[in-house]
N, C-alpha and C. Protein backbone atom coordinates (compact mmCIF):
# COMPACT_ATOMS: atom_id res chain seq x y z
N UNK A 1 -14.85 -11.08 19.50
CA UNK A 1 -14.70 -10.02 18.50
C UNK A 1 -13.32 -10.06 17.84
N UNK A 2 -12.30 -10.33 18.66
CA UNK A 2 -10.93 -10.43 18.13
C UNK A 2 -10.81 -11.62 17.19
N UNK A 3 -11.38 -12.76 17.61
CA UNK A 3 -11.33 -13.96 16.77
C UNK A 3 -12.03 -13.70 15.44
N UNK A 4 -13.16 -13.03 15.48
CA UNK A 4 -13.88 -12.70 14.24
C UNK A 4 -13.03 -11.84 13.32
N UNK A 5 -12.33 -10.85 13.91
CA UNK A 5 -11.50 -9.95 13.12
C UNK A 5 -10.35 -10.71 12.45
N UNK A 6 -9.69 -11.59 13.22
CA UNK A 6 -8.56 -12.36 12.68
C UNK A 6 -9.05 -13.30 11.57
N UNK A 7 -10.18 -13.98 11.80
CA UNK A 7 -10.71 -14.89 10.78
C UNK A 7 -11.15 -14.15 9.53
N UNK A 8 -11.67 -12.94 9.69
CA UNK A 8 -12.04 -12.14 8.52
C UNK A 8 -10.79 -11.79 7.72
N UNK A 9 -9.71 -11.45 8.43
CA UNK A 9 -8.45 -11.15 7.74
C UNK A 9 -7.89 -12.37 7.03
N UNK A 10 -7.94 -13.52 7.68
CA UNK A 10 -7.43 -14.76 7.08
C UNK A 10 -8.25 -15.16 5.85
N UNK A 11 -9.56 -14.98 5.94
CA UNK A 11 -10.43 -15.42 4.84
C UNK A 11 -10.36 -14.50 3.63
N UNK A 12 -9.91 -13.27 3.82
CA UNK A 12 -9.85 -12.32 2.70
C UNK A 12 -8.42 -11.89 2.38
N UNK A 13 -7.45 -12.53 3.02
CA UNK A 13 -6.05 -12.12 2.83
C UNK A 13 -5.54 -12.29 1.42
N UNK A 14 -6.05 -13.30 0.71
CA UNK A 14 -5.61 -13.50 -0.68
C UNK A 14 -6.00 -12.30 -1.54
N UNK A 15 -7.18 -11.74 -1.27
CA UNK A 15 -7.63 -10.56 -2.01
C UNK A 15 -6.67 -9.39 -1.75
N UNK A 16 -6.31 -9.19 -0.49
CA UNK A 16 -5.41 -8.09 -0.13
C UNK A 16 -4.04 -8.26 -0.77
N UNK A 17 -3.50 -9.49 -0.72
CA UNK A 17 -2.17 -9.72 -1.27
C UNK A 17 -2.15 -9.56 -2.79
N UNK A 18 -3.22 -10.00 -3.47
CA UNK A 18 -3.30 -9.83 -4.92
C UNK A 18 -3.46 -8.36 -5.29
N UNK A 19 -4.07 -7.59 -4.42
CA UNK A 19 -4.25 -6.16 -4.64
C UNK A 19 -2.91 -5.43 -4.55
N UNK A 20 -2.07 -5.87 -3.61
CA UNK A 20 -0.79 -5.19 -3.36
C UNK A 20 0.36 -5.77 -4.18
N UNK A 21 0.21 -7.01 -4.66
CA UNK A 21 1.30 -7.67 -5.37
C UNK A 21 1.87 -6.90 -6.54
N UNK A 22 1.04 -6.38 -7.46
CA UNK A 22 1.58 -5.66 -8.62
C UNK A 22 2.38 -4.42 -8.25
N UNK A 23 2.14 -3.88 -7.06
CA UNK A 23 2.90 -2.72 -6.59
C UNK A 23 4.16 -3.17 -5.87
N UNK A 24 4.02 -4.12 -4.94
CA UNK A 24 5.12 -4.49 -4.06
C UNK A 24 6.20 -5.33 -4.74
N UNK A 25 5.81 -6.32 -5.54
CA UNK A 25 6.81 -7.27 -6.06
C UNK A 25 7.84 -6.60 -6.98
N UNK A 26 7.42 -5.83 -8.00
CA UNK A 26 8.45 -5.15 -8.83
C UNK A 26 9.27 -4.14 -8.03
N UNK A 27 8.61 -3.47 -7.08
CA UNK A 27 9.33 -2.48 -6.27
C UNK A 27 10.40 -3.14 -5.42
N UNK A 28 10.05 -4.22 -4.72
CA UNK A 28 11.00 -4.89 -3.83
C UNK A 28 12.13 -5.56 -4.61
N UNK A 29 11.83 -6.07 -5.80
CA UNK A 29 12.87 -6.71 -6.62
C UNK A 29 13.83 -5.69 -7.22
N UNK A 30 13.40 -4.45 -7.35
CA UNK A 30 14.23 -3.44 -7.99
C UNK A 30 14.79 -2.39 -7.07
N UNK A 31 14.84 -2.67 -5.76
CA UNK A 31 15.31 -1.68 -4.79
C UNK A 31 16.80 -1.39 -4.95
N UNK A 32 17.23 -0.27 -4.35
CA UNK A 32 18.62 0.19 -4.48
C UNK A 32 19.60 -0.83 -3.90
N UNK A 33 19.25 -1.40 -2.75
CA UNK A 33 20.09 -2.40 -2.10
C UNK A 33 19.23 -3.61 -1.77
N UNK A 34 19.81 -4.79 -1.88
CA UNK A 34 19.05 -6.02 -1.65
C UNK A 34 19.59 -6.71 -0.40
N UNK A 35 18.74 -6.82 0.61
CA UNK A 35 19.07 -7.59 1.82
C UNK A 35 17.77 -7.99 2.49
N UNK A 36 17.84 -9.03 3.31
CA UNK A 36 16.64 -9.50 3.98
C UNK A 36 16.11 -8.45 4.96
N UNK A 37 17.01 -7.80 5.68
CA UNK A 37 16.59 -6.79 6.65
C UNK A 37 15.94 -5.61 5.97
N UNK A 38 16.56 -5.14 4.89
CA UNK A 38 16.01 -3.99 4.16
C UNK A 38 14.67 -4.35 3.52
N UNK A 39 14.58 -5.54 2.96
CA UNK A 39 13.34 -6.00 2.34
C UNK A 39 12.20 -6.05 3.35
N UNK A 40 12.50 -6.58 4.55
CA UNK A 40 11.49 -6.64 5.60
C UNK A 40 11.07 -5.23 6.04
N UNK A 41 12.05 -4.31 6.12
CA UNK A 41 11.74 -2.94 6.50
C UNK A 41 10.86 -2.24 5.49
N UNK A 42 11.14 -2.43 4.21
CA UNK A 42 10.35 -1.81 3.16
C UNK A 42 8.93 -2.38 3.12
N UNK A 43 8.83 -3.71 3.30
CA UNK A 43 7.50 -4.34 3.33
C UNK A 43 6.70 -3.82 4.52
N UNK A 44 7.36 -3.71 5.67
CA UNK A 44 6.69 -3.19 6.86
C UNK A 44 6.27 -1.74 6.69
N UNK A 45 7.11 -0.93 6.04
CA UNK A 45 6.77 0.48 5.81
C UNK A 45 5.55 0.59 4.92
N UNK A 46 5.50 -0.22 3.87
CA UNK A 46 4.36 -0.22 2.95
C UNK A 46 3.07 -0.62 3.67
N UNK A 47 3.12 -1.75 4.39
CA UNK A 47 1.93 -2.25 5.07
C UNK A 47 1.50 -1.33 6.20
N UNK A 48 2.47 -0.74 6.90
CA UNK A 48 2.15 0.20 7.97
C UNK A 48 1.48 1.45 7.43
N UNK A 49 1.99 1.99 6.32
CA UNK A 49 1.38 3.17 5.72
C UNK A 49 -0.02 2.87 5.22
N UNK A 50 -0.20 1.67 4.68
CA UNK A 50 -1.53 1.26 4.22
C UNK A 50 -2.52 1.21 5.38
N UNK A 51 -2.08 0.68 6.52
CA UNK A 51 -2.94 0.61 7.70
C UNK A 51 -3.28 2.02 8.20
N UNK A 52 -2.31 2.92 8.19
CA UNK A 52 -2.56 4.31 8.61
C UNK A 52 -3.63 4.95 7.73
N UNK A 53 -3.55 4.72 6.43
CA UNK A 53 -4.55 5.29 5.53
C UNK A 53 -5.94 4.72 5.83
N UNK A 54 -6.02 3.44 6.17
CA UNK A 54 -7.31 2.86 6.53
C UNK A 54 -7.90 3.55 7.76
N UNK A 55 -7.06 3.82 8.75
CA UNK A 55 -7.52 4.53 9.94
C UNK A 55 -8.02 5.92 9.58
N UNK A 56 -7.26 6.59 8.71
CA UNK A 56 -7.65 7.95 8.29
C UNK A 56 -9.00 7.92 7.58
N UNK A 57 -9.16 6.98 6.64
CA UNK A 57 -10.42 6.88 5.91
C UNK A 57 -11.58 6.57 6.84
N UNK A 58 -11.37 5.64 7.77
CA UNK A 58 -12.43 5.30 8.71
C UNK A 58 -12.85 6.50 9.54
N UNK A 59 -11.85 7.28 10.03
CA UNK A 59 -12.16 8.46 10.84
C UNK A 59 -12.87 9.53 10.02
N UNK A 60 -12.37 9.77 8.80
CA UNK A 60 -12.95 10.82 7.95
C UNK A 60 -14.37 10.45 7.53
N UNK A 61 -14.56 9.21 7.07
CA UNK A 61 -15.88 8.78 6.63
C UNK A 61 -16.88 8.80 7.78
N UNK A 62 -16.41 8.39 8.97
CA UNK A 62 -17.29 8.42 10.13
C UNK A 62 -17.70 9.84 10.48
N UNK A 63 -16.73 10.78 10.42
CA UNK A 63 -17.03 12.17 10.75
C UNK A 63 -17.96 12.81 9.71
N UNK A 64 -17.84 12.39 8.45
CA UNK A 64 -18.66 12.96 7.38
C UNK A 64 -20.01 12.28 7.24
N UNK A 65 -20.23 11.25 8.04
CA UNK A 65 -21.49 10.55 7.96
C UNK A 65 -21.61 9.65 6.75
N UNK A 66 -20.48 9.25 6.16
CA UNK A 66 -20.51 8.41 4.97
C UNK A 66 -20.49 6.92 5.30
N UNK A 67 -20.32 6.62 6.57
CA UNK A 67 -20.35 5.21 6.97
C UNK A 67 -21.78 4.79 7.23
N UNK A 68 -22.25 3.85 6.44
CA UNK A 68 -23.58 3.29 6.64
C UNK A 68 -23.41 1.77 6.68
N UNK A 69 -23.95 1.15 7.68
CA UNK A 69 -23.75 -0.29 7.84
C UNK A 69 -24.18 -1.06 6.60
N UNK A 70 -23.25 -1.93 6.13
CA UNK A 70 -23.45 -2.80 4.98
C UNK A 70 -23.54 -2.06 3.65
N UNK A 71 -23.21 -0.76 3.60
CA UNK A 71 -23.36 -0.03 2.34
C UNK A 71 -22.30 1.05 2.23
N UNK A 72 -21.81 1.23 1.02
CA UNK A 72 -20.93 2.36 0.72
C UNK A 72 -21.15 2.77 -0.72
N UNK A 73 -21.24 4.05 -0.98
CA UNK A 73 -21.53 4.57 -2.31
C UNK A 73 -20.47 4.09 -3.30
N UNK A 74 -20.81 3.20 -4.24
CA UNK A 74 -19.80 2.66 -5.16
C UNK A 74 -19.22 3.70 -6.10
N UNK A 75 -19.99 4.71 -6.47
CA UNK A 75 -19.45 5.74 -7.37
C UNK A 75 -18.39 6.58 -6.66
N UNK A 76 -18.59 6.85 -5.37
CA UNK A 76 -17.58 7.56 -4.59
C UNK A 76 -16.32 6.72 -4.45
N UNK A 77 -16.49 5.42 -4.23
CA UNK A 77 -15.35 4.51 -4.12
C UNK A 77 -14.54 4.49 -5.41
N UNK A 78 -15.23 4.50 -6.55
CA UNK A 78 -14.52 4.50 -7.84
C UNK A 78 -13.74 5.79 -8.04
N UNK A 79 -14.34 6.91 -7.67
CA UNK A 79 -13.64 8.19 -7.82
C UNK A 79 -12.41 8.23 -6.93
N UNK A 80 -12.54 7.73 -5.72
CA UNK A 80 -11.39 7.69 -4.81
C UNK A 80 -10.30 6.79 -5.36
N UNK A 81 -10.68 5.67 -5.98
CA UNK A 81 -9.71 4.75 -6.56
C UNK A 81 -8.95 5.38 -7.72
N UNK A 82 -9.64 6.24 -8.49
CA UNK A 82 -8.97 6.92 -9.60
C UNK A 82 -7.80 7.75 -9.09
N UNK A 83 -8.04 8.52 -8.02
CA UNK A 83 -6.97 9.34 -7.45
C UNK A 83 -5.89 8.46 -6.82
N UNK A 84 -6.31 7.33 -6.25
CA UNK A 84 -5.33 6.41 -5.66
C UNK A 84 -4.41 5.84 -6.73
N UNK A 85 -4.98 5.46 -7.88
CA UNK A 85 -4.16 4.93 -8.97
C UNK A 85 -3.21 6.00 -9.52
N UNK A 86 -3.71 7.22 -9.66
CA UNK A 86 -2.85 8.30 -10.15
C UNK A 86 -1.69 8.54 -9.20
N UNK A 87 -1.99 8.62 -7.92
CA UNK A 87 -0.97 8.87 -6.90
C UNK A 87 0.05 7.74 -6.87
N UNK A 88 -0.45 6.50 -6.82
CA UNK A 88 0.44 5.34 -6.77
C UNK A 88 1.26 5.23 -8.05
N UNK A 89 0.64 5.48 -9.20
CA UNK A 89 1.36 5.43 -10.47
C UNK A 89 2.49 6.43 -10.54
N UNK A 90 2.26 7.64 -10.07
CA UNK A 90 3.30 8.66 -10.08
C UNK A 90 4.46 8.28 -9.15
N UNK A 91 4.13 7.74 -7.98
CA UNK A 91 5.17 7.31 -7.04
C UNK A 91 6.03 6.22 -7.66
N UNK A 92 5.40 5.21 -8.27
CA UNK A 92 6.15 4.12 -8.90
C UNK A 92 6.94 4.61 -10.11
N UNK A 93 6.37 5.54 -10.86
CA UNK A 93 7.06 6.08 -12.03
C UNK A 93 8.34 6.80 -11.63
N UNK A 94 8.25 7.67 -10.63
CA UNK A 94 9.43 8.40 -10.18
C UNK A 94 10.50 7.45 -9.65
N UNK A 95 10.07 6.43 -8.91
CA UNK A 95 11.03 5.48 -8.37
C UNK A 95 11.70 4.67 -9.47
N UNK A 96 10.92 4.24 -10.47
CA UNK A 96 11.48 3.44 -11.57
C UNK A 96 12.47 4.24 -12.40
N UNK A 97 12.27 5.56 -12.47
CA UNK A 97 13.16 6.43 -13.24
C UNK A 97 14.35 6.92 -12.42
N UNK A 98 14.38 6.58 -11.14
CA UNK A 98 15.49 6.98 -10.29
C UNK A 98 15.41 8.42 -9.81
N UNK A 99 14.22 9.02 -9.83
CA UNK A 99 14.06 10.39 -9.34
C UNK A 99 14.29 10.40 -7.84
N UNK A 100 15.13 11.32 -7.36
CA UNK A 100 15.50 11.35 -5.95
C UNK A 100 14.70 12.39 -5.18
N UNK A 101 14.33 12.04 -3.96
CA UNK A 101 13.74 13.03 -3.08
C UNK A 101 14.84 14.02 -2.68
N UNK A 102 14.50 15.28 -2.45
CA UNK A 102 15.54 16.32 -2.23
C UNK A 102 16.39 16.12 -1.00
N UNK A 103 15.96 15.25 -0.06
CA UNK A 103 16.76 15.07 1.15
C UNK A 103 17.63 13.81 1.10
N UNK A 104 17.64 13.10 -0.02
CA UNK A 104 18.45 11.88 -0.08
C UNK A 104 19.94 12.22 -0.09
N UNK A 105 20.73 11.22 0.25
CA UNK A 105 22.19 11.40 0.35
C UNK A 105 22.78 11.91 -0.95
N UNK A 106 22.27 11.40 -2.08
CA UNK A 106 22.81 11.77 -3.39
C UNK A 106 22.56 13.23 -3.72
N UNK A 107 21.55 13.84 -3.07
CA UNK A 107 21.22 15.24 -3.35
C UNK A 107 21.92 16.19 -2.38
N UNK A 108 22.80 15.66 -1.57
CA UNK A 108 23.60 16.52 -0.70
C UNK A 108 22.94 16.96 0.59
N UNK A 109 21.94 16.22 1.05
CA UNK A 109 21.28 16.58 2.29
C UNK A 109 22.25 16.45 3.46
N UNK A 110 22.21 17.41 4.38
CA UNK A 110 23.12 17.41 5.52
C UNK A 110 22.43 16.97 6.82
N UNK A 111 21.18 16.51 6.72
CA UNK A 111 20.45 16.07 7.91
C UNK A 111 20.50 14.54 7.96
N UNK A 112 21.27 13.96 8.88
CA UNK A 112 21.46 12.49 8.90
C UNK A 112 20.15 11.72 9.01
N UNK A 113 19.22 12.20 9.84
CA UNK A 113 17.97 11.46 10.03
C UNK A 113 17.16 11.38 8.75
N UNK A 114 17.20 12.41 7.93
CA UNK A 114 16.48 12.40 6.66
C UNK A 114 17.18 11.51 5.64
N UNK A 115 18.51 11.56 5.65
CA UNK A 115 19.26 10.73 4.70
C UNK A 115 19.00 9.24 4.94
N UNK A 116 18.74 8.87 6.17
CA UNK A 116 18.48 7.48 6.49
C UNK A 116 17.16 6.99 5.90
N UNK A 117 16.21 7.93 5.69
CA UNK A 117 14.92 7.54 5.13
C UNK A 117 15.10 7.00 3.72
N UNK A 118 15.88 7.73 2.91
CA UNK A 118 16.21 7.25 1.58
C UNK A 118 15.05 7.27 0.61
N UNK A 119 15.36 6.90 -0.62
CA UNK A 119 14.37 6.93 -1.68
C UNK A 119 13.39 5.77 -1.59
N UNK A 120 13.90 4.56 -1.36
CA UNK A 120 13.05 3.38 -1.35
C UNK A 120 12.05 3.41 -0.21
N UNK A 121 12.48 3.85 0.97
CA UNK A 121 11.56 3.87 2.11
C UNK A 121 10.45 4.90 1.91
N UNK A 122 10.77 6.04 1.32
CA UNK A 122 9.73 7.02 1.04
C UNK A 122 8.76 6.49 -0.01
N UNK A 123 9.30 5.79 -1.00
CA UNK A 123 8.45 5.19 -2.02
C UNK A 123 7.51 4.16 -1.40
N UNK A 124 8.04 3.33 -0.49
CA UNK A 124 7.21 2.32 0.18
C UNK A 124 6.09 2.97 0.98
N UNK A 125 6.41 4.04 1.69
CA UNK A 125 5.41 4.73 2.52
C UNK A 125 4.34 5.38 1.64
N UNK A 126 4.76 6.10 0.61
CA UNK A 126 3.81 6.79 -0.25
C UNK A 126 2.95 5.80 -1.04
N UNK A 127 3.57 4.72 -1.52
CA UNK A 127 2.80 3.70 -2.24
C UNK A 127 1.80 3.02 -1.32
N UNK A 128 2.19 2.78 -0.06
CA UNK A 128 1.28 2.18 0.90
C UNK A 128 0.08 3.08 1.19
N UNK A 129 0.34 4.37 1.31
CA UNK A 129 -0.76 5.33 1.52
C UNK A 129 -1.70 5.33 0.32
N UNK A 130 -1.11 5.27 -0.89
CA UNK A 130 -1.92 5.30 -2.11
C UNK A 130 -2.80 4.05 -2.22
N UNK A 131 -2.20 2.88 -1.97
CA UNK A 131 -2.97 1.63 -2.06
C UNK A 131 -4.07 1.61 -0.99
N UNK A 132 -3.79 2.20 0.15
CA UNK A 132 -4.79 2.26 1.21
C UNK A 132 -6.01 3.08 0.86
N UNK A 133 -5.93 3.91 -0.17
CA UNK A 133 -7.08 4.72 -0.59
C UNK A 133 -8.11 3.92 -1.37
N UNK A 134 -7.78 2.71 -1.78
CA UNK A 134 -8.74 1.86 -2.47
C UNK A 134 -9.71 1.27 -1.45
N UNK A 135 -10.99 1.40 -1.72
CA UNK A 135 -11.99 0.83 -0.82
C UNK A 135 -12.30 -0.58 -1.28
N UNK A 136 -11.45 -1.55 -0.88
CA UNK A 136 -11.70 -2.93 -1.26
C UNK A 136 -12.77 -3.51 -0.32
N UNK A 137 -13.59 -4.44 -0.80
CA UNK A 137 -14.69 -4.99 0.01
C UNK A 137 -14.26 -5.55 1.36
N UNK A 138 -13.17 -6.33 1.46
CA UNK A 138 -12.80 -6.86 2.78
C UNK A 138 -12.49 -5.75 3.79
N UNK A 139 -11.72 -4.74 3.33
CA UNK A 139 -11.38 -3.68 4.26
C UNK A 139 -12.60 -2.85 4.63
N UNK A 140 -13.50 -2.64 3.67
CA UNK A 140 -14.72 -1.89 3.99
C UNK A 140 -15.55 -2.64 5.04
N UNK A 141 -15.62 -3.95 4.91
CA UNK A 141 -16.34 -4.76 5.91
C UNK A 141 -15.71 -4.57 7.29
N UNK A 142 -14.37 -4.59 7.34
CA UNK A 142 -13.68 -4.42 8.62
C UNK A 142 -13.90 -3.04 9.20
N UNK A 143 -13.89 -2.01 8.35
CA UNK A 143 -14.11 -0.64 8.84
C UNK A 143 -15.52 -0.51 9.41
N UNK A 144 -16.50 -1.05 8.67
CA UNK A 144 -17.88 -0.98 9.14
C UNK A 144 -18.05 -1.71 10.47
N UNK A 145 -17.45 -2.92 10.57
CA UNK A 145 -17.56 -3.69 11.81
C UNK A 145 -16.85 -2.98 12.96
N UNK A 146 -15.72 -2.33 12.66
CA UNK A 146 -14.99 -1.65 13.72
C UNK A 146 -15.75 -0.45 14.25
N UNK A 147 -16.51 0.20 13.37
CA UNK A 147 -17.28 1.38 13.78
C UNK A 147 -18.57 0.98 14.49
N UNK A 148 -19.30 0.00 13.91
CA UNK A 148 -20.60 -0.36 14.46
C UNK A 148 -20.52 -1.50 15.47
N UNK A 149 -19.38 -2.20 15.48
CA UNK A 149 -19.27 -3.32 16.42
C UNK A 149 -18.71 -2.93 17.77
N UNK A 150 -18.14 -1.75 17.86
CA UNK A 150 -17.59 -1.30 19.14
C UNK A 150 -17.02 0.08 19.02
N UNK A 151 -17.32 0.92 19.97
CA UNK A 151 -16.85 2.31 19.92
C UNK A 151 -15.47 2.42 20.55
N UNK A 152 -14.70 3.37 20.06
CA UNK A 152 -13.41 3.67 20.66
C UNK A 152 -12.41 2.54 20.50
N UNK A 153 -11.79 2.13 21.63
CA UNK A 153 -10.71 1.14 21.62
C UNK A 153 -11.15 -0.21 21.05
N UNK A 154 -12.33 -0.75 21.40
CA UNK A 154 -12.74 -2.04 20.80
C UNK A 154 -12.80 -2.00 19.28
N UNK A 155 -13.36 -0.91 18.74
CA UNK A 155 -13.43 -0.78 17.29
C UNK A 155 -12.05 -0.68 16.67
N UNK A 156 -11.14 0.04 17.33
CA UNK A 156 -9.77 0.16 16.84
C UNK A 156 -9.08 -1.19 16.82
N UNK A 157 -9.26 -1.97 17.88
CA UNK A 157 -8.63 -3.28 17.95
C UNK A 157 -9.19 -4.22 16.89
N UNK A 158 -10.45 -4.07 16.55
CA UNK A 158 -11.04 -4.92 15.51
C UNK A 158 -10.30 -4.71 14.20
N UNK A 159 -10.06 -3.45 13.83
CA UNK A 159 -9.37 -3.15 12.58
C UNK A 159 -7.94 -3.66 12.60
N UNK A 160 -7.27 -3.50 13.75
CA UNK A 160 -5.88 -3.96 13.88
C UNK A 160 -5.79 -5.47 13.73
N UNK A 161 -6.68 -6.21 14.39
CA UNK A 161 -6.61 -7.67 14.34
C UNK A 161 -7.06 -8.20 12.98
N UNK A 162 -7.95 -7.49 12.31
CA UNK A 162 -8.26 -7.86 10.93
C UNK A 162 -7.00 -7.77 10.08
N UNK A 163 -6.26 -6.70 10.26
CA UNK A 163 -5.03 -6.50 9.49
C UNK A 163 -4.00 -7.58 9.82
N UNK A 164 -3.89 -7.92 11.10
CA UNK A 164 -2.97 -8.98 11.51
C UNK A 164 -3.34 -10.30 10.84
N UNK A 165 -4.64 -10.56 10.72
CA UNK A 165 -5.09 -11.79 10.08
C UNK A 165 -4.71 -11.88 8.62
N UNK A 166 -4.57 -10.74 7.96
CA UNK A 166 -4.21 -10.75 6.53
C UNK A 166 -2.70 -10.80 6.30
N UNK A 167 -1.90 -10.58 7.34
CA UNK A 167 -0.45 -10.48 7.16
C UNK A 167 0.24 -11.77 6.72
N UNK A 168 -0.20 -12.97 7.14
CA UNK A 168 0.50 -14.19 6.70
C UNK A 168 0.61 -14.33 5.18
N UNK A 169 -0.30 -13.73 4.43
CA UNK A 169 -0.26 -13.84 2.98
C UNK A 169 0.86 -12.99 2.37
N UNK A 170 1.47 -12.12 3.18
CA UNK A 170 2.58 -11.30 2.69
C UNK A 170 3.94 -11.88 3.07
N UNK A 171 3.95 -12.98 3.84
CA UNK A 171 5.22 -13.58 4.27
C UNK A 171 6.11 -13.98 3.09
N UNK A 172 5.56 -14.53 1.98
CA UNK A 172 6.45 -14.89 0.85
C UNK A 172 7.28 -13.73 0.32
N UNK A 173 6.83 -12.49 0.53
CA UNK A 173 7.60 -11.33 0.06
C UNK A 173 8.95 -11.23 0.76
N UNK A 174 9.06 -11.80 1.96
CA UNK A 174 10.31 -11.72 2.71
C UNK A 174 11.42 -12.54 2.04
N UNK A 175 11.04 -13.44 1.13
CA UNK A 175 12.05 -14.24 0.43
C UNK A 175 12.54 -13.64 -0.86
N UNK A 176 12.09 -12.45 -1.21
CA UNK A 176 12.49 -11.83 -2.46
C UNK A 176 14.01 -11.65 -2.59
N UNK A 177 14.73 -11.25 -1.52
CA UNK A 177 16.19 -11.12 -1.66
C UNK A 177 16.87 -12.42 -2.09
N UNK A 178 16.32 -13.57 -1.73
CA UNK A 178 16.91 -14.85 -2.13
C UNK A 178 16.96 -14.97 -3.65
N UNK A 179 15.93 -14.42 -4.32
CA UNK A 179 15.88 -14.46 -5.78
C UNK A 179 16.63 -13.28 -6.38
N UNK A 180 16.40 -12.09 -5.84
CA UNK A 180 16.97 -10.87 -6.42
C UNK A 180 18.49 -10.84 -6.36
N UNK A 181 19.08 -11.46 -5.33
CA UNK A 181 20.53 -11.46 -5.19
C UNK A 181 21.23 -12.33 -6.22
N UNK A 182 20.52 -13.25 -6.82
CA UNK A 182 21.14 -14.23 -7.71
C UNK A 182 21.41 -13.70 -9.11
N UNK A 183 20.77 -12.60 -9.48
CA UNK A 183 20.97 -12.08 -10.83
C UNK A 183 20.72 -10.58 -10.85
N UNK A 184 21.70 -9.85 -11.40
CA UNK A 184 21.55 -8.40 -11.52
C UNK A 184 20.46 -8.04 -12.53
N UNK A 185 20.19 -8.97 -13.45
CA UNK A 185 19.18 -8.70 -14.47
C UNK A 185 17.78 -8.61 -13.87
N UNK A 186 17.57 -9.28 -12.74
CA UNK A 186 16.25 -9.25 -12.11
C UNK A 186 15.90 -7.83 -11.70
N UNK A 187 16.87 -7.10 -11.20
CA UNK A 187 16.61 -5.72 -10.78
C UNK A 187 16.21 -4.86 -11.97
N UNK A 188 16.88 -5.06 -13.12
CA UNK A 188 16.55 -4.29 -14.31
C UNK A 188 15.15 -4.63 -14.82
N UNK A 189 14.84 -5.91 -14.83
CA UNK A 189 13.50 -6.33 -15.26
C UNK A 189 12.44 -5.77 -14.33
N UNK A 190 12.74 -5.77 -13.03
CA UNK A 190 11.79 -5.24 -12.05
C UNK A 190 11.56 -3.75 -12.26
N UNK A 191 12.63 -3.01 -12.56
CA UNK A 191 12.50 -1.57 -12.81
C UNK A 191 11.63 -1.31 -14.04
N UNK A 192 11.85 -2.10 -15.09
CA UNK A 192 11.03 -1.94 -16.31
C UNK A 192 9.58 -2.29 -16.02
N UNK A 193 9.38 -3.36 -15.26
CA UNK A 193 8.01 -3.76 -14.90
C UNK A 193 7.33 -2.68 -14.07
N UNK A 194 8.09 -2.11 -13.16
CA UNK A 194 7.55 -1.03 -12.32
C UNK A 194 7.16 0.18 -13.18
N UNK A 195 7.99 0.49 -14.15
CA UNK A 195 7.71 1.61 -15.06
C UNK A 195 6.43 1.35 -15.85
N UNK A 196 6.28 0.13 -16.39
CA UNK A 196 5.09 -0.20 -17.18
C UNK A 196 3.83 -0.23 -16.32
N UNK A 197 3.94 -0.76 -15.11
CA UNK A 197 2.79 -0.78 -14.21
C UNK A 197 2.38 0.65 -13.84
N UNK A 198 3.39 1.51 -13.63
CA UNK A 198 3.10 2.91 -13.30
C UNK A 198 2.34 3.58 -14.43
N UNK A 199 2.78 3.35 -15.68
CA UNK A 199 2.08 3.94 -16.82
C UNK A 199 0.66 3.40 -16.93
N UNK A 200 0.50 2.11 -16.68
CA UNK A 200 -0.84 1.52 -16.74
C UNK A 200 -1.76 2.15 -15.70
N UNK A 201 -1.25 2.29 -14.47
CA UNK A 201 -2.04 2.92 -13.41
C UNK A 201 -2.44 4.34 -13.79
N UNK A 202 -1.46 5.11 -14.28
CA UNK A 202 -1.70 6.52 -14.57
C UNK A 202 -2.67 6.70 -15.74
N UNK A 203 -2.43 5.94 -16.81
CA UNK A 203 -3.21 6.15 -18.04
C UNK A 203 -4.56 5.44 -17.99
N UNK A 204 -4.55 4.13 -17.77
CA UNK A 204 -5.76 3.34 -17.92
C UNK A 204 -6.64 3.32 -16.65
N UNK A 205 -6.02 3.39 -15.47
CA UNK A 205 -6.82 3.38 -14.25
C UNK A 205 -6.97 4.77 -13.63
N UNK A 206 -6.23 5.74 -14.19
CA UNK A 206 -6.30 7.09 -13.65
C UNK A 206 -6.88 8.12 -14.62
N UNK A 207 -6.10 8.47 -15.63
CA UNK A 207 -6.49 9.57 -16.51
C UNK A 207 -7.74 9.25 -17.33
N UNK A 208 -7.79 8.06 -17.92
CA UNK A 208 -8.95 7.72 -18.78
C UNK A 208 -10.26 7.71 -17.98
N UNK A 209 -10.32 7.03 -16.82
CA UNK A 209 -11.57 7.11 -16.04
C UNK A 209 -11.87 8.52 -15.55
N UNK A 210 -10.80 9.28 -15.22
CA UNK A 210 -11.01 10.65 -14.71
C UNK A 210 -11.57 11.57 -15.79
N UNK A 211 -11.06 11.42 -17.03
CA UNK A 211 -11.47 12.31 -18.10
C UNK A 211 -12.75 11.85 -18.81
N UNK A 212 -12.94 10.54 -18.88
CA UNK A 212 -14.06 10.02 -19.68
C UNK A 212 -15.04 9.17 -18.88
N UNK A 213 -14.75 8.96 -17.59
CA UNK A 213 -15.63 8.12 -16.79
C UNK A 213 -16.91 8.82 -16.34
């Protein structure tokens, strides 16, 4: 079962990485500080939040009776994706414009533990949660297999090992500081790209389908 989960992740990892790339690459290139350790932490925060959202969706759908083997209502998935795009677009928009969370150091927060979270880490977590709301076919297959292939701990491990199988496709992101450190212009271009992607998510993948879909 574990081998099946890992192979499923490996075979569909390109889909997952292409899904996350437009969000992660401009964000990581335009972060407040550029270092390999910070880049790895932000990538881990994003991927970890995405995994948490998958667990939440699996639990909620199972409790609501929406999990049916080999099938998921496509219209419901589209509606959920609309809200995911809106949420993710707003998160990226605020980050690209430099909007600060109220507990960041620049806003005068006196709680050290909150100041350490910072703007970029909160953006990574919120963006990861938003991307996790998309019901992509590979992840839906893994959720269904985890629910119907084993109850409790076995099902949980199936989802975890599927996720582990998809992680090698995100390794190239760890080299972003090597490029970003070489030119200050890259950060500015990344911020502009992030702003444009945010507008695209909000307008074309969020508001238009929500109002006219």
